[in-house]
């Protein structure tokens, strides 16, 4: 599946970009499903903010409990001083994570695609595992 150049690039850089690896309709299904997840999310359930700068915020119960469920996390500046979202909810979400690849049928189909397994084999990964998705 991969060219020798792609395998070399992976070994050198730790990642590769594979143009057109997924079809546009597959990407559209993911985007639509992500939109549905965000639409269904009630900000009153949690106002958890995802940040890579403040690990205390990234270690709260909402975040730590997302290892086996699907949860939404807000941008750092999502809320104004009045506690209200500054813009539409869909524009205020930083990420959705973490068990989408196991729990959501659309994301599971995307992640467990045989083409992805073929790439892992081509890269020489002996026991590839999917730990999280976002």
C-alpha atoms as a PDB file:
ATOM      1  CA  UNK A   1       0.000   0.000   0.000  1.00  0.00           C
ATOM      2  CA  UNK A   2       2.783   2.463   0.879  1.00  0.00           C
ATOM      3  CA  UNK A   3       5.683   3.529  -1.269  1.00  0.00           C
ATOM      4  CA  UNK A   4       9.254   3.138   0.004  1.00  0.00           C
ATOM      5  CA  UNK A   5       9.399   6.950   0.269  1.00  0.00           C
ATOM      6  CA  UNK A   6       6.331   7.008   2.522  1.00  0.00           C
ATOM      7  CA  UNK A   7       7.789   4.325   4.778  1.00  0.00           C
ATOM      8  CA  UNK A   8      11.083   6.239   4.967  1.00  0.00           C
ATOM      9  CA  UNK A   9       9.240   9.463   5.761  1.00  0.00           C
ATOM     10  CA  UNK A  10       7.338   7.715   8.567  1.00  0.00           C
ATOM     11  CA  UNK A  11      10.565   6.359  10.043  1.00  0.00           C
ATOM     12  CA  UNK A  12      12.182   9.790   9.777  1.00  0.00           C
ATOM     13  CA  UNK A  13       9.293  12.060  10.841  1.00  0.00           C
ATOM     14  CA  UNK A  14       6.988   9.768  12.836  1.00  0.00           C
ATOM     15  CA  UNK A  15       3.986  10.439  10.592  1.00  0.00           C
ATOM     16  CA  UNK A  16       2.946  10.444   6.956  1.00  0.00           C
ATOM     17  CA  UNK A  17       0.257  12.142   4.944  1.00  0.00           C
ATOM     18  CA  UNK A  18      -1.546   9.919   2.488  1.00  0.00           C
ATOM     19  CA  UNK A  19      -3.505  12.065   0.030  1.00  0.00           C
ATOM     20  CA  UNK A  20      -6.964  10.705  -0.813  1.00  0.00           C
ATOM     21  CA  UNK A  21      -6.590   7.882   1.709  1.00  0.00           C
ATOM     22  CA  UNK A  22     -10.232   8.287   2.683  1.00  0.00           C
ATOM     23  CA  UNK A  23     -13.000   9.088   0.232  1.00  0.00           C
ATOM     24  CA  UNK A  24     -14.781  12.448   0.477  1.00  0.00           C
ATOM     25  CA  UNK A  25     -18.064  10.749   1.423  1.00  0.00           C
ATOM     26  CA  UNK A  26     -16.348   9.011   4.374  1.00  0.00           C
ATOM     27  CA  UNK A  27     -15.016  12.364   5.577  1.00  0.00           C
ATOM     28  CA  UNK A  28     -18.467  13.925   5.107  1.00  0.00           C
ATOM     29  CA  UNK A  29     -20.029  11.195   7.275  1.00  0.00           C
ATOM     30  CA  UNK A  30     -17.514  11.896  10.061  1.00  0.00           C
ATOM     31  CA  UNK A  31     -18.146  15.631   9.893  1.00  0.00           C
ATOM     32  CA  UNK A  32     -21.902  15.108   9.949  1.00  0.00           C
ATOM     33  CA  UNK A  33     -21.668  12.724  12.897  1.00  0.00           C
ATOM     34  CA  UNK A  34     -19.403  15.120  14.805  1.00  0.00           C
ATOM     35  CA  UNK A  35     -22.007  17.815  14.216  1.00  0.00           C
ATOM     36  CA  UNK A  36     -24.708  15.536  15.621  1.00  0.00           C
ATOM     37  CA  UNK A  37     -22.615  14.823  18.720  1.00  0.00           C
ATOM     38  CA  UNK A  38     -22.042  18.531  19.315  1.00  0.00           C
ATOM     39  CA  UNK A  39     -25.712  19.359  18.680  1.00  0.00           C
ATOM     40  CA  UNK A  40     -26.777  16.745  21.247  1.00  0.00           C
ATOM     41  CA  UNK A  41     -24.279  17.968  23.839  1.00  0.00           C
ATOM     42  CA  UNK A  42     -25.793  20.135  26.563  1.00  0.00           C
ATOM     43  CA  UNK A  43     -23.264  22.714  27.833  1.00  0.00           C
ATOM     44  CA  UNK A  44     -25.005  22.564  31.216  1.00  0.00           C
ATOM     45  CA  UNK A  45     -23.694  18.988  31.504  1.00  0.00           C
ATOM     46  CA  UNK A  46     -20.111  20.245  31.658  1.00  0.00           C
ATOM     47  CA  UNK A  47     -18.178  23.355  30.823  1.00  0.00           C
ATOM     48  CA  UNK A  48     -14.917  21.456  30.681  1.00  0.00           C
ATOM     49  CA  UNK A  49     -12.218  23.247  28.742  1.00  0.00           C
ATOM     50  CA  UNK A  50      -9.523  21.344  26.922  1.00  0.00           C
ATOM     51  CA  UNK A  51      -6.085  22.883  27.064  1.00  0.00           C
ATOM     52  CA  UNK A  52      -2.571  21.561  26.696  1.00  0.00           C
ATOM     53  CA  UNK A  53      -1.203  24.406  28.838  1.00  0.00           C
ATOM     54  CA  UNK A  54      -3.037  23.805  32.122  1.00  0.00           C
ATOM     55  CA  UNK A  55      -2.796  20.149  33.087  1.00  0.00           C
ATOM     56  CA  UNK A  56      -4.992  20.649  36.154  1.00  0.00           C
ATOM     57  CA  UNK A  57      -7.860  21.509  33.804  1.00  0.00           C
ATOM     58  CA  UNK A  58      -7.066  18.524  31.614  1.00  0.00           C
ATOM     59  CA  UNK A  59      -7.187  16.255  34.645  1.00  0.00           C
ATOM     60  CA  UNK A  60     -10.648  17.019  35.975  1.00  0.00           C
ATOM     61  CA  UNK A  61     -13.245  14.287  36.428  1.00  0.00           C
ATOM     62  CA  UNK A  62     -15.037  15.113  33.150  1.00  0.00           C
ATOM     63  CA  UNK A  63     -11.789  14.696  31.206  1.00  0.00           C
ATOM     64  CA  UNK A  64     -10.592  11.607  33.072  1.00  0.00           C
ATOM     65  CA  UNK A  65     -13.997   9.974  32.674  1.00  0.00           C
ATOM     66  CA  UNK A  66     -13.862  10.369  28.912  1.00  0.00           C
ATOM     67  CA  UNK A  67     -11.727   7.269  28.454  1.00  0.00           C
ATOM     68  CA  UNK A  68     -14.781   5.091  27.919  1.00  0.00           C
ATOM     69  CA  UNK A  69     -17.361   7.519  26.612  1.00  0.00           C
ATOM     70  CA  UNK A  70     -17.727  10.374  24.144  1.00  0.00           C
ATOM     71  CA  UNK A  71     -17.497  13.877  25.578  1.00  0.00           C
ATOM     72  CA  UNK A  72     -17.187  17.421  24.289  1.00  0.00           C
ATOM     73  CA  UNK A  73     -14.602  19.924  25.499  1.00  0.00           C
ATOM     74  CA  UNK A  74     -14.670  23.674  25.015  1.00  0.00           C
ATOM     75  CA  UNK A  75     -12.075  26.114  23.738  1.00  0.00           C
ATOM     76  CA  UNK A  76     -10.181  28.054  26.410  1.00  0.00           C
ATOM     77  CA  UNK A  77     -11.953  31.314  25.558  1.00  0.00           C
ATOM     78  CA  UNK A  78     -15.393  29.820  24.889  1.00  0.00           C
ATOM     79  CA  UNK A  79     -17.170  31.574  27.758  1.00  0.00           C
ATOM     80  CA  UNK A  80     -17.490  35.247  28.475  1.00  0.00           C
ATOM     81  CA  UNK A  81     -17.289  36.874  31.911  1.00  0.00           C
ATOM     82  CA  UNK A  82     -21.039  36.305  32.256  1.00  0.00           C
ATOM     83  CA  UNK A  83     -20.534  32.533  31.917  1.00  0.00           C
ATOM     84  CA  UNK A  84     -22.326  32.390  28.569  1.00  0.00           C
ATOM     85  CA  UNK A  85     -20.870  31.062  25.344  1.00  0.00           C
ATOM     86  CA  UNK A  86     -19.348  33.852  23.267  1.00  0.00           C
ATOM     87  CA  UNK A  87     -20.412  32.210  20.019  1.00  0.00           C
ATOM     88  CA  UNK A  88     -22.368  29.229  18.751  1.00  0.00           C
ATOM     89  CA  UNK A  89     -21.751  25.958  20.598  1.00  0.00           C
ATOM     90  CA  UNK A  90     -20.417  24.289  17.444  1.00  0.00           C
ATOM     91  CA  UNK A  91     -17.756  27.012  17.147  1.00  0.00           C
ATOM     92  CA  UNK A  92     -16.866  26.784  20.831  1.00  0.00           C
ATOM     93  CA  UNK A  93     -15.958  23.075  21.023  1.00  0.00           C
ATOM     94  CA  UNK A  94     -12.226  22.362  20.990  1.00  0.00           C
ATOM     95  CA  UNK A  95     -12.498  18.602  20.687  1.00  0.00           C
ATOM     96  CA  UNK A  96     -14.704  15.580  21.014  1.00  0.00           C
ATOM     97  CA  UNK A  97     -13.122  12.522  22.554  1.00  0.00           C
ATOM     98  CA  UNK A  98     -11.974   9.913  23.423  1.00  0.00           C
ATOM     99  CA  UNK A  99     -13.685   6.583  22.781  1.00  0.00           C
ATOM    100  CA  UNK A 100     -15.351   7.489  19.497  1.00  0.00           C
ATOM    101  CA  UNK A 101     -13.495   4.708  17.657  1.00  0.00           C
ATOM    102  CA  UNK A 102     -15.109   2.105  19.928  1.00  0.00           C
ATOM    103  CA  UNK A 103     -18.499   3.569  20.804  1.00  0.00           C
ATOM    104  CA  UNK A 104     -19.799   5.447  17.779  1.00  0.00           C
ATOM    105  CA  UNK A 105     -20.666   3.329  14.717  1.00  0.00           C
ATOM    106  CA  UNK A 106     -19.639   6.005  12.180  1.00  0.00           C
ATOM    107  CA  UNK A 107     -16.261   6.630  13.797  1.00  0.00           C
ATOM    108  CA  UNK A 108     -15.758   2.917  14.462  1.00  0.00           C
ATOM    109  CA  UNK A 109     -16.262   2.046  10.780  1.00  0.00           C
ATOM    110  CA  UNK A 110     -13.831   4.793   9.767  1.00  0.00           C
ATOM    111  CA  UNK A 111     -11.170   3.697  12.260  1.00  0.00           C
ATOM    112  CA  UNK A 112     -11.430  -0.051  11.797  1.00  0.00           C
ATOM    113  CA  UNK A 113     -11.135   0.150   8.017  1.00  0.00           C
ATOM    114  CA  UNK A 114      -9.028  -2.603   6.424  1.00  0.00           C
ATOM    115  CA  UNK A 115      -7.028   0.079   4.590  1.00  0.00           C
ATOM    116  CA  UNK A 116      -5.798   1.456   7.898  1.00  0.00           C
ATOM    117  CA  UNK A 117      -4.722  -2.034   8.972  1.00  0.00           C
ATOM    118  CA  UNK A 118      -2.833  -2.368   5.678  1.00  0.00           C
ATOM    119  CA  UNK A 119      -0.957   0.862   6.386  1.00  0.00           C
ATOM    120  CA  UNK A 120      -0.029  -0.403   9.853  1.00  0.00           C
ATOM    121  CA  UNK A 121       1.303  -3.628   8.325  1.00  0.00           C
ATOM    122  CA  UNK A 122       3.243  -1.680   5.684  1.00  0.00           C
ATOM    123  CA  UNK A 123       4.845   0.396   8.430  1.00  0.00           C
ATOM    124  CA  UNK A 124       5.939  -2.772  10.210  1.00  0.00           C
ATOM    125  CA  UNK A 125       3.831  -2.191  13.288  1.00  0.00           C
ATOM    126  CA  UNK A 126       3.677  -5.506  15.111  1.00  0.00           C
ATOM    127  CA  UNK A 127       0.707  -4.847  17.404  1.00  0.00           C
ATOM    128  CA  UNK A 128      -1.039  -1.661  16.283  1.00  0.00           C
ATOM    129  CA  UNK A 129      -3.624  -0.448  18.764  1.00  0.00           C
ATOM    130  CA  UNK A 130      -6.123   2.381  18.825  1.00  0.00           C
ATOM    131  CA  UNK A 131      -6.055   4.055  22.222  1.00  0.00           C
ATOM    132  CA  UNK A 132      -8.117   7.161  21.699  1.00  0.00           C
ATOM    133  CA  UNK A 133      -9.874   9.183  19.064  1.00  0.00           C
ATOM    134  CA  UNK A 134     -10.803  12.795  18.862  1.00  0.00           C
END
